[in-house]
Amino acid sequence: MYKTNLINCGYRLYESTIGYLNQLSESVPSLFLRLILAYEFGEAGLEKLHGTNWFVDVTFPFPFSLIAPEVNWQIATYFEILGAIALLLGIATRFFSVSLIILTIVAIATVHWPAQWMSLNDLWTGYRIVDEAGDGFGNYKLPLIYVVMFSPLLFGGAGKLSLDYLIKQRWLSR
């Protein structure tokens, strides 16, 4: 009898915990993703804003190669800063998610991708955070993680703790 009551109590605790977590699932995970991505892209944008344009040394893929490096620098800088603010507030989240995904893919193609690779093993070697001593194998792990982190925001939106959600609720109540 005692064992059955203990099992039932444990089951009820488990069920109430799962119910509570399910309620939070529409707001907390997307908030955490927005906060960490806002920090990372805001930091990168501010570094560009206060730094030297190193894009002049980079060969961009088409169609970005048609744009002057100075313009690419400004586009990247302001999309990172404005995107970080928008993510922080949860406004235009899907727009800035896709914009920053494109920016990140361009960064992977121009800066983080291996210089040359002949096999999947060579390509896999570039799946790391740091480009060790400029060995040419690349370092696309972190930008790829950012792209994956943007996916729930792109497909699911900013969540309930956002201006996007508040605007939608206001719009629907009319």
N, C-alpha and C. Protein backbone atom coordinates (compact mmCIF):
# COMPACT_ATOMS: atom_id res chain seq x y z
N MET A 1 0.82 -1.19 0.00
CA MET A 1 0.00 0.00 0.00
C MET A 1 0.87 1.27 0.00
N TYR A 2 1.87 1.31 0.88
CA TYR A 2 2.77 2.45 0.98
C TYR A 2 3.51 2.66 -0.33
N LYS A 3 3.94 1.56 -0.92
CA LYS A 3 4.68 1.64 -2.18
C LYS A 3 3.78 2.19 -3.28
N THR A 4 2.52 1.79 -3.33
CA THR A 4 1.58 2.27 -4.33
C THR A 4 1.33 3.76 -4.16
N ASN A 5 1.15 4.22 -2.92
CA ASN A 5 0.95 5.65 -2.66
C ASN A 5 2.18 6.46 -3.07
N LEU A 6 3.34 5.92 -2.78
CA LEU A 6 4.58 6.60 -3.16
C LEU A 6 4.71 6.72 -4.68
N ILE A 7 4.35 5.66 -5.37
CA ILE A 7 4.39 5.67 -6.84
C ILE A 7 3.37 6.67 -7.37
N ASN A 8 2.16 6.68 -6.83
CA ASN A 8 1.13 7.63 -7.26
C ASN A 8 1.54 9.07 -7.00
N CYS A 9 2.15 9.31 -5.86
CA CYS A 9 2.63 10.65 -5.52
C CYS A 9 3.72 11.09 -6.49
N GLY A 10 4.63 10.19 -6.78
CA GLY A 10 5.70 10.47 -7.73
C GLY A 10 5.15 10.74 -9.12
N TYR A 11 4.15 9.98 -9.51
CA TYR A 11 3.53 10.16 -10.82
C TYR A 11 2.82 11.51 -10.90
N ARG A 12 2.08 11.89 -9.85
CA ARG A 12 1.39 13.18 -9.83
C ARG A 12 2.40 14.33 -9.87
N LEU A 13 3.50 14.19 -9.14
CA LEU A 13 4.54 15.21 -9.16
C LEU A 13 5.14 15.33 -10.57
N TYR A 14 5.40 14.19 -11.17
CA TYR A 14 5.92 14.17 -12.54
C TYR A 14 4.94 14.84 -13.49
N GLU A 15 3.67 14.48 -13.43
CA GLU A 15 2.65 15.04 -14.32
C GLU A 15 2.50 16.55 -14.12
N SER A 16 2.51 17.02 -12.89
CA SER A 16 2.37 18.47 -12.66
C SER A 16 3.61 19.21 -13.15
N THR A 17 4.78 18.61 -12.98
CA THR A 17 6.01 19.23 -13.47
C THR A 17 5.99 19.31 -14.98
N ILE A 18 5.58 18.24 -15.64
CA ILE A 18 5.50 18.23 -17.10
C ILE A 18 4.47 19.26 -17.58
N GLY A 19 3.35 19.36 -16.90
CA GLY A 19 2.33 20.35 -17.26
C GLY A 19 2.88 21.78 -17.16
N TYR A 20 3.61 22.04 -16.09
CA TYR A 20 4.21 23.36 -15.89
C TYR A 20 5.25 23.65 -16.97
N LEU A 21 6.10 22.67 -17.26
CA LEU A 21 7.11 22.85 -18.31
C LEU A 21 6.46 23.06 -19.67
N ASN A 22 5.37 22.36 -19.93
CA ASN A 22 4.65 22.54 -21.20
C ASN A 22 4.11 23.97 -21.33
N GLN A 23 3.62 24.53 -20.23
CA GLN A 23 3.14 25.91 -20.26
C GLN A 23 4.28 26.88 -20.58
N LEU A 24 5.44 26.62 -20.02
CA LEU A 24 6.60 27.49 -20.25
C LEU A 24 7.22 27.30 -21.63
N SER A 25 6.93 26.18 -22.27
CA SER A 25 7.58 25.86 -23.55
C SER A 25 7.26 26.85 -24.65
N GLU A 26 6.19 27.59 -24.52
CA GLU A 26 5.82 28.57 -25.55
C GLU A 26 6.47 29.92 -25.33
N SER A 27 7.25 30.05 -24.26
CA SER A 27 7.85 31.36 -24.01
C SER A 27 9.34 31.29 -23.65
N VAL A 28 9.72 30.40 -22.78
CA VAL A 28 11.07 30.42 -22.23
C VAL A 28 12.15 29.97 -23.23
N PRO A 29 12.00 28.85 -23.94
CA PRO A 29 13.08 28.44 -24.86
C PRO A 29 13.38 29.49 -25.93
N SER A 30 12.34 30.06 -26.53
CA SER A 30 12.58 31.07 -27.56
C SER A 30 13.19 32.33 -26.96
N LEU A 31 12.80 32.68 -25.74
CA LEU A 31 13.41 33.83 -25.07
C LEU A 31 14.91 33.58 -24.87
N PHE A 32 15.27 32.41 -24.38
CA PHE A 32 16.69 32.09 -24.16
C PHE A 32 17.47 32.13 -25.47
N LEU A 33 16.89 31.57 -26.54
CA LEU A 33 17.56 31.62 -27.85
C LEU A 33 17.74 33.06 -28.31
N ARG A 34 16.68 33.86 -28.17
CA ARG A 34 16.78 35.26 -28.59
C ARG A 34 17.84 36.00 -27.80
N LEU A 35 17.90 35.77 -26.49
CA LEU A 35 18.86 36.49 -25.65
C LEU A 35 20.31 36.15 -26.00
N ILE A 36 20.61 34.86 -26.17
CA ILE A 36 22.00 34.48 -26.45
C ILE A 36 22.39 34.91 -27.87
N LEU A 37 21.49 34.78 -28.83
CA LEU A 37 21.79 35.21 -30.19
C LEU A 37 21.91 36.74 -30.27
N ALA A 38 21.07 37.45 -29.53
CA ALA A 38 21.17 38.92 -29.49
C ALA A 38 22.52 39.33 -28.92
N TYR A 39 22.96 38.66 -27.88
CA TYR A 39 24.26 38.99 -27.29
C TYR A 39 25.38 38.74 -28.29
N GLU A 40 25.39 37.57 -28.91
CA GLU A 40 26.47 37.20 -29.84
C GLU A 40 26.52 38.13 -31.05
N PHE A 41 25.37 38.38 -31.66
CA PHE A 41 25.38 39.22 -32.86
C PHE A 41 25.55 40.69 -32.51
N GLY A 42 25.04 41.12 -31.37
CA GLY A 42 25.27 42.50 -30.92
C GLY A 42 26.73 42.75 -30.65
N GLU A 43 27.38 41.80 -30.01
CA GLU A 43 28.81 41.92 -29.73
C GLU A 43 29.61 42.00 -31.04
N ALA A 44 29.27 41.14 -32.00
CA ALA A 44 29.97 41.16 -33.30
C ALA A 44 29.73 42.47 -34.03
N GLY A 45 28.50 42.96 -33.99
CA GLY A 45 28.18 44.23 -34.65
C GLY A 45 28.91 45.40 -34.03
N LEU A 46 28.97 45.43 -32.70
CA LEU A 46 29.68 46.53 -32.03
C LEU A 46 31.18 46.47 -32.29
N GLU A 47 31.73 45.26 -32.38
CA GLU A 47 33.15 45.14 -32.73
C GLU A 47 33.41 45.70 -34.13
N LYS A 48 32.51 45.42 -35.06
CA LYS A 48 32.66 45.96 -36.41
C LYS A 48 32.49 47.48 -36.39
N LEU A 49 31.51 47.96 -35.64
CA LEU A 49 31.23 49.40 -35.58
C LEU A 49 32.46 50.17 -35.08
N HIS A 50 33.16 49.61 -34.12
CA HIS A 50 34.31 50.30 -33.52
C HIS A 50 35.65 49.78 -34.05
N GLY A 51 35.60 48.87 -35.02
CA GLY A 51 36.84 48.27 -35.50
C GLY A 51 37.21 48.72 -36.89
N THR A 52 38.22 48.05 -37.43
CA THR A 52 38.73 48.34 -38.76
C THR A 52 38.10 47.37 -39.75
N ASN A 53 37.77 47.87 -40.93
CA ASN A 53 37.14 47.07 -41.96
C ASN A 53 38.14 46.05 -42.52
N TRP A 54 37.98 44.79 -42.11
CA TRP A 54 38.84 43.73 -42.64
C TRP A 54 38.18 43.01 -43.81
N PHE A 55 36.98 43.47 -44.22
CA PHE A 55 36.30 42.87 -45.36
C PHE A 55 37.06 43.11 -46.67
N VAL A 56 37.93 44.12 -46.71
CA VAL A 56 38.68 44.41 -47.94
C VAL A 56 39.61 43.25 -48.30
N ASP A 57 39.93 42.41 -47.31
CA ASP A 57 40.81 41.26 -47.54
C ASP A 57 40.04 39.97 -47.83
N VAL A 58 38.71 40.06 -47.92
CA VAL A 58 37.86 38.88 -48.05
C VAL A 58 37.27 38.84 -49.45
N THR A 59 37.21 37.64 -50.03
CA THR A 59 36.54 37.44 -51.31
C THR A 59 35.14 36.90 -51.03
N PHE A 60 34.14 37.71 -51.34
CA PHE A 60 32.75 37.34 -51.08
C PHE A 60 32.19 36.50 -52.22
N PRO A 61 31.26 35.59 -51.91
CA PRO A 61 30.59 34.83 -52.96
C PRO A 61 29.57 35.72 -53.69
N PHE A 62 29.22 35.31 -54.89
CA PHE A 62 28.19 36.02 -55.66
C PHE A 62 26.88 35.91 -54.91
N PRO A 63 26.06 36.89 -54.82
CA PRO A 63 26.06 38.21 -55.43
C PRO A 63 26.75 39.27 -54.56
N PHE A 64 27.23 38.88 -53.38
CA PHE A 64 27.85 39.84 -52.47
C PHE A 64 29.18 40.36 -53.01
N SER A 65 29.78 39.62 -53.95
CA SER A 65 31.04 40.08 -54.57
C SER A 65 30.81 41.30 -55.44
N LEU A 66 29.56 41.56 -55.82
CA LEU A 66 29.24 42.73 -56.64
C LEU A 66 29.17 44.01 -55.81
N ILE A 67 29.15 43.87 -54.50
CA ILE A 67 29.03 45.01 -53.59
C ILE A 67 30.41 45.35 -53.04
N ALA A 68 30.69 46.63 -52.93
CA ALA A 68 31.99 47.08 -52.40
C ALA A 68 32.18 46.57 -50.97
N PRO A 69 33.41 46.22 -50.58
CA PRO A 69 33.67 45.73 -49.22
C PRO A 69 33.18 46.70 -48.13
N GLU A 70 33.28 48.00 -48.38
CA GLU A 70 32.83 48.98 -47.40
C GLU A 70 31.32 48.87 -47.18
N VAL A 71 30.58 48.64 -48.26
CA VAL A 71 29.12 48.51 -48.16
C VAL A 71 28.78 47.19 -47.46
N ASN A 72 29.46 46.11 -47.82
CA ASN A 72 29.26 44.83 -47.12
C ASN A 72 29.53 44.98 -45.63
N TRP A 73 30.58 45.72 -45.29
CA TRP A 73 30.93 45.96 -43.88
C TRP A 73 29.78 46.66 -43.16
N GLN A 74 29.25 47.71 -43.80
CA GLN A 74 28.15 48.46 -43.19
C GLN A 74 26.89 47.61 -43.07
N ILE A 75 26.58 46.83 -44.10
CA ILE A 75 25.40 45.95 -44.05
C ILE A 75 25.54 44.96 -42.90
N ALA A 76 26.68 44.31 -42.82
CA ALA A 76 26.90 43.32 -41.75
C ALA A 76 26.82 43.99 -40.38
N THR A 77 27.48 45.12 -40.23
CA THR A 77 27.52 45.82 -38.95
C THR A 77 26.11 46.18 -38.48
N TYR A 78 25.35 46.83 -39.34
CA TYR A 78 24.04 47.31 -38.92
C TYR A 78 23.00 46.21 -38.83
N PHE A 79 23.10 45.18 -39.65
CA PHE A 79 22.18 44.05 -39.49
C PHE A 79 22.47 43.31 -38.18
N GLU A 80 23.74 43.20 -37.80
CA GLU A 80 24.06 42.55 -36.53
C GLU A 80 23.56 43.38 -35.34
N ILE A 81 23.75 44.69 -35.39
CA ILE A 81 23.31 45.54 -34.28
C ILE A 81 21.78 45.63 -34.22
N LEU A 82 21.16 45.97 -35.35
CA LEU A 82 19.69 46.07 -35.36
C LEU A 82 19.04 44.72 -35.11
N GLY A 83 19.62 43.66 -35.66
CA GLY A 83 19.11 42.31 -35.42
C GLY A 83 19.18 41.93 -33.95
N ALA A 84 20.27 42.31 -33.30
CA ALA A 84 20.41 42.01 -31.87
C ALA A 84 19.34 42.74 -31.05
N ILE A 85 19.11 44.00 -31.37
CA ILE A 85 18.07 44.76 -30.66
C ILE A 85 16.70 44.15 -30.91
N ALA A 86 16.42 43.81 -32.17
CA ALA A 86 15.13 43.21 -32.51
C ALA A 86 14.94 41.86 -31.81
N LEU A 87 15.99 41.05 -31.78
CA LEU A 87 15.89 39.76 -31.09
C LEU A 87 15.67 39.96 -29.60
N LEU A 88 16.34 40.91 -29.02
CA LEU A 88 16.20 41.20 -27.61
C LEU A 88 14.75 41.55 -27.28
N LEU A 89 14.14 42.38 -28.11
CA LEU A 89 12.76 42.80 -27.89
C LEU A 89 11.74 41.80 -28.42
N GLY A 90 12.18 40.94 -29.32
CA GLY A 90 11.26 39.99 -29.93
C GLY A 90 10.35 40.65 -30.95
N ILE A 91 10.92 41.54 -31.75
CA ILE A 91 10.14 42.23 -32.79
C ILE A 91 10.74 41.90 -34.16
N ALA A 92 9.88 41.60 -35.12
CA ALA A 92 10.31 41.20 -36.47
C ALA A 92 11.30 40.03 -36.37
N THR A 93 11.02 39.11 -35.49
CA THR A 93 11.94 38.02 -35.18
C THR A 93 12.21 37.13 -36.39
N ARG A 94 11.19 36.80 -37.13
CA ARG A 94 11.40 35.93 -38.29
C ARG A 94 12.21 36.64 -39.37
N PHE A 95 11.93 37.91 -39.60
CA PHE A 95 12.69 38.68 -40.59
C PHE A 95 14.17 38.72 -40.20
N PHE A 96 14.47 39.07 -38.95
CA PHE A 96 15.86 39.17 -38.54
C PHE A 96 16.51 37.79 -38.42
N SER A 97 15.74 36.77 -38.12
CA SER A 97 16.30 35.42 -38.09
C SER A 97 16.79 35.02 -39.48
N VAL A 98 15.94 35.21 -40.48
CA VAL A 98 16.37 34.83 -41.84
C VAL A 98 17.50 35.74 -42.32
N SER A 99 17.46 37.03 -41.97
CA SER A 99 18.53 37.94 -42.36
C SER A 99 19.86 37.54 -41.74
N LEU A 100 19.84 37.20 -40.46
CA LEU A 100 21.08 36.83 -39.78
C LEU A 100 21.54 35.42 -40.17
N ILE A 101 20.62 34.56 -40.57
CA ILE A 101 21.01 33.26 -41.12
C ILE A 101 21.77 33.47 -42.43
N ILE A 102 21.24 34.33 -43.30
CA ILE A 102 21.93 34.62 -44.57
C ILE A 102 23.30 35.23 -44.29
N LEU A 103 23.36 36.19 -43.38
CA LEU A 103 24.63 36.81 -43.00
C LEU A 103 25.62 35.76 -42.51
N THR A 104 25.14 34.82 -41.70
CA THR A 104 25.99 33.77 -41.14
C THR A 104 26.46 32.81 -42.22
N ILE A 105 25.59 32.46 -43.15
CA ILE A 105 25.99 31.57 -44.25
C ILE A 105 27.05 32.24 -45.12
N VAL A 106 26.89 33.54 -45.38
CA VAL A 106 27.91 34.27 -46.13
C VAL A 106 29.23 34.28 -45.35
N ALA A 107 29.14 34.46 -44.02
CA ALA A 107 30.35 34.42 -43.19
C ALA A 107 31.02 33.05 -43.25
N ILE A 108 30.22 32.00 -43.22
CA ILE A 108 30.79 30.65 -43.33
C ILE A 108 31.50 30.50 -44.67
N ALA A 109 30.83 30.93 -45.74
CA ALA A 109 31.41 30.76 -47.09
C ALA A 109 32.67 31.60 -47.29
N THR A 110 32.74 32.78 -46.67
CA THR A 110 33.88 33.66 -46.93
C THR A 110 35.02 33.53 -45.94
N VAL A 111 34.69 33.26 -44.68
CA VAL A 111 35.71 33.30 -43.63
C VAL A 111 35.95 31.95 -42.96
N HIS A 112 34.89 31.19 -42.72
CA HIS A 112 34.99 30.02 -41.86
C HIS A 112 35.14 28.69 -42.58
N TRP A 113 34.85 28.66 -43.87
CA TRP A 113 34.90 27.42 -44.63
C TRP A 113 36.35 27.04 -44.89
N PRO A 114 36.67 25.74 -44.98
CA PRO A 114 38.03 25.34 -45.29
C PRO A 114 38.52 25.95 -46.62
N ALA A 115 39.78 26.34 -46.64
CA ALA A 115 40.36 26.92 -47.85
C ALA A 115 40.32 25.92 -49.00
N GLN A 116 40.70 24.69 -48.70
CA GLN A 116 40.65 23.61 -49.68
C GLN A 116 40.32 22.33 -48.94
N TRP A 117 39.53 21.49 -49.58
CA TRP A 117 39.27 20.19 -48.99
C TRP A 117 39.06 19.19 -50.11
N MET A 118 39.62 18.04 -49.91
CA MET A 118 39.59 17.00 -50.94
C MET A 118 38.70 15.83 -50.56
N SER A 119 38.37 15.74 -49.27
CA SER A 119 37.56 14.62 -48.81
C SER A 119 36.63 15.11 -47.71
N LEU A 120 35.65 14.29 -47.36
CA LEU A 120 34.76 14.62 -46.25
C LEU A 120 35.52 14.70 -44.94
N ASN A 121 36.58 13.93 -44.83
CA ASN A 121 37.41 14.01 -43.63
C ASN A 121 38.07 15.39 -43.51
N ASP A 122 38.56 15.93 -44.62
CA ASP A 122 39.12 17.29 -44.61
C ASP A 122 38.05 18.31 -44.23
N LEU A 123 36.86 18.15 -44.80
CA LEU A 123 35.77 19.07 -44.50
C LEU A 123 35.39 18.98 -43.02
N TRP A 124 35.32 17.75 -42.51
CA TRP A 124 34.96 17.54 -41.11
C TRP A 124 35.99 18.17 -40.17
N THR A 125 37.22 18.25 -40.57
CA THR A 125 38.27 18.86 -39.76
C THR A 125 37.96 20.32 -39.47
N GLY A 126 37.25 20.99 -40.37
CA GLY A 126 36.87 22.39 -40.17
C GLY A 126 35.72 22.58 -39.20
N TYR A 127 35.08 21.49 -38.79
CA TYR A 127 33.98 21.59 -37.82
C TYR A 127 34.59 21.74 -36.43
N ARG A 128 35.02 22.96 -36.14
CA ARG A 128 35.66 23.28 -34.87
C ARG A 128 35.48 24.77 -34.62
N ILE A 129 35.78 25.19 -33.42
CA ILE A 129 35.57 26.58 -33.02
C ILE A 129 36.73 27.46 -33.46
N VAL A 130 37.96 27.01 -33.31
CA VAL A 130 39.14 27.84 -33.55
C VAL A 130 39.90 27.33 -34.77
N ASP A 131 40.32 28.26 -35.61
CA ASP A 131 41.17 27.92 -36.74
C ASP A 131 42.60 27.89 -36.22
N GLU A 132 43.11 26.70 -35.97
CA GLU A 132 44.42 26.54 -35.35
C GLU A 132 45.54 26.95 -36.29
N ALA A 133 46.19 28.03 -35.92
CA ALA A 133 47.40 28.50 -36.62
C ALA A 133 47.17 28.69 -38.12
N GLY A 134 45.94 29.01 -38.50
CA GLY A 134 45.66 29.26 -39.91
C GLY A 134 46.00 28.10 -40.80
N ASP A 135 45.69 26.88 -40.37
CA ASP A 135 46.07 25.69 -41.12
C ASP A 135 45.21 25.46 -42.36
N GLY A 136 44.19 26.31 -42.59
CA GLY A 136 43.39 26.21 -43.80
C GLY A 136 42.19 25.29 -43.71
N PHE A 137 42.01 24.61 -42.57
CA PHE A 137 40.89 23.70 -42.44
C PHE A 137 39.58 24.41 -42.07
N GLY A 138 39.64 25.69 -41.71
CA GLY A 138 38.43 26.44 -41.40
C GLY A 138 38.00 26.26 -39.95
N ASN A 139 36.88 26.90 -39.64
CA ASN A 139 36.31 26.84 -38.30
C ASN A 139 34.84 27.23 -38.35
N TYR A 140 34.01 26.39 -38.94
CA TYR A 140 32.61 26.73 -39.18
C TYR A 140 31.65 26.19 -38.13
N LYS A 141 32.13 25.60 -37.06
CA LYS A 141 31.25 24.99 -36.06
C LYS A 141 30.32 26.00 -35.39
N LEU A 142 30.86 27.08 -34.86
CA LEU A 142 30.05 28.06 -34.14
C LEU A 142 29.03 28.75 -35.06
N PRO A 143 29.43 29.22 -36.24
CA PRO A 143 28.40 29.81 -37.11
C PRO A 143 27.30 28.82 -37.50
N LEU A 144 27.66 27.57 -37.69
CA LEU A 144 26.66 26.56 -38.01
C LEU A 144 25.71 26.36 -36.83
N ILE A 145 26.24 26.39 -35.62
CA ILE A 145 25.40 26.30 -34.42
C ILE A 145 24.42 27.48 -34.37
N TYR A 146 24.89 28.68 -34.74
CA TYR A 146 24.00 29.85 -34.77
C TYR A 146 22.86 29.64 -35.76
N VAL A 147 23.16 29.10 -36.92
CA VAL A 147 22.12 28.85 -37.92
C VAL A 147 21.08 27.88 -37.35
N VAL A 148 21.53 26.83 -36.70
CA VAL A 148 20.61 25.86 -36.09
C VAL A 148 19.79 26.52 -34.98
N MET A 149 20.42 27.40 -34.18
CA MET A 149 19.71 28.09 -33.10
C MET A 149 18.64 29.04 -33.65
N PHE A 150 18.87 29.60 -34.83
CA PHE A 150 17.86 30.48 -35.43
C PHE A 150 16.66 29.71 -35.96
N SER A 151 16.81 28.44 -36.26
CA SER A 151 15.73 27.66 -36.88
C SER A 151 14.42 27.70 -36.08
N PRO A 152 14.42 27.44 -34.77
CA PRO A 152 13.14 27.53 -34.04
C PRO A 152 12.53 28.93 -34.07
N LEU A 153 13.36 29.96 -34.08
CA LEU A 153 12.83 31.32 -34.14
C LEU A 153 12.25 31.62 -35.52
N LEU A 154 12.88 31.11 -36.55
CA LEU A 154 12.37 31.30 -37.91
C LEU A 154 11.04 30.58 -38.10
N PHE A 155 10.98 29.33 -37.68
CA PHE A 155 9.78 28.53 -37.91
C PHE A 155 8.69 28.74 -36.85
N GLY A 156 9.08 29.03 -35.61
CA GLY A 156 8.11 29.15 -34.54
C GLY A 156 7.86 30.55 -34.04
N GLY A 157 8.66 31.50 -34.45
CA GLY A 157 8.49 32.87 -34.00
C GLY A 157 9.19 33.13 -32.67
N ALA A 158 8.93 34.31 -32.14
CA ALA A 158 9.63 34.81 -30.96
C ALA A 158 9.12 34.25 -29.65
N GLY A 159 7.95 33.65 -29.63
CA GLY A 159 7.38 33.13 -28.40
C GLY A 159 6.52 34.17 -27.70
N LYS A 160 5.95 33.77 -26.57
CA LYS A 160 4.99 34.63 -25.86
C LYS A 160 5.63 35.82 -25.15
N LEU A 161 6.90 35.75 -24.84
CA LEU A 161 7.57 36.86 -24.16
C LEU A 161 8.26 37.75 -25.19
N SER A 162 7.46 38.37 -26.06
CA SER A 162 8.01 39.17 -27.15
C SER A 162 7.02 40.24 -27.58
N LEU A 163 7.54 41.25 -28.24
CA LEU A 163 6.67 42.26 -28.83
C LEU A 163 5.88 41.69 -30.00
N ASP A 164 6.47 40.76 -30.73
CA ASP A 164 5.73 40.10 -31.82
C ASP A 164 4.43 39.50 -31.28
N TYR A 165 4.52 38.81 -30.16
CA TYR A 165 3.34 38.17 -29.56
C TYR A 165 2.33 39.22 -29.09
N LEU A 166 2.81 40.26 -28.43
CA LEU A 166 1.91 41.32 -27.95
C LEU A 166 1.19 42.00 -29.11
N ILE A 167 1.91 42.29 -30.18
CA ILE A 167 1.31 42.92 -31.35
C ILE A 167 0.26 41.99 -31.96
N LYS A 168 0.59 40.72 -32.06
CA LYS A 168 -0.36 39.76 -32.62
C LYS A 168 -1.62 39.67 -31.76
N GLN A 169 -1.46 39.64 -30.44
CA GLN A 169 -2.61 39.57 -29.54
C GLN A 169 -3.47 40.82 -29.68
N ARG A 170 -2.86 41.98 -29.77
CA ARG A 170 -3.57 43.23 -29.93
C ARG A 170 -4.32 43.25 -31.25
N TRP A 171 -3.64 42.78 -32.30
CA TRP A 171 -4.24 42.77 -33.63
C TRP A 171 -5.45 41.84 -33.68
N LEU A 172 -5.34 40.67 -33.04
CA LEU A 172 -6.43 39.69 -33.05
C LEU A 172 -7.61 40.13 -32.20
N SER A 173 -7.38 40.99 -31.21
CA SER A 173 -8.46 41.41 -30.32
C SER A 173 -9.33 42.50 -30.94
N ARG A 174 -8.96 42.99 -32.10
CA ARG A 174 -9.77 44.03 -32.77
C ARG A 174 -10.95 43.46 -33.48
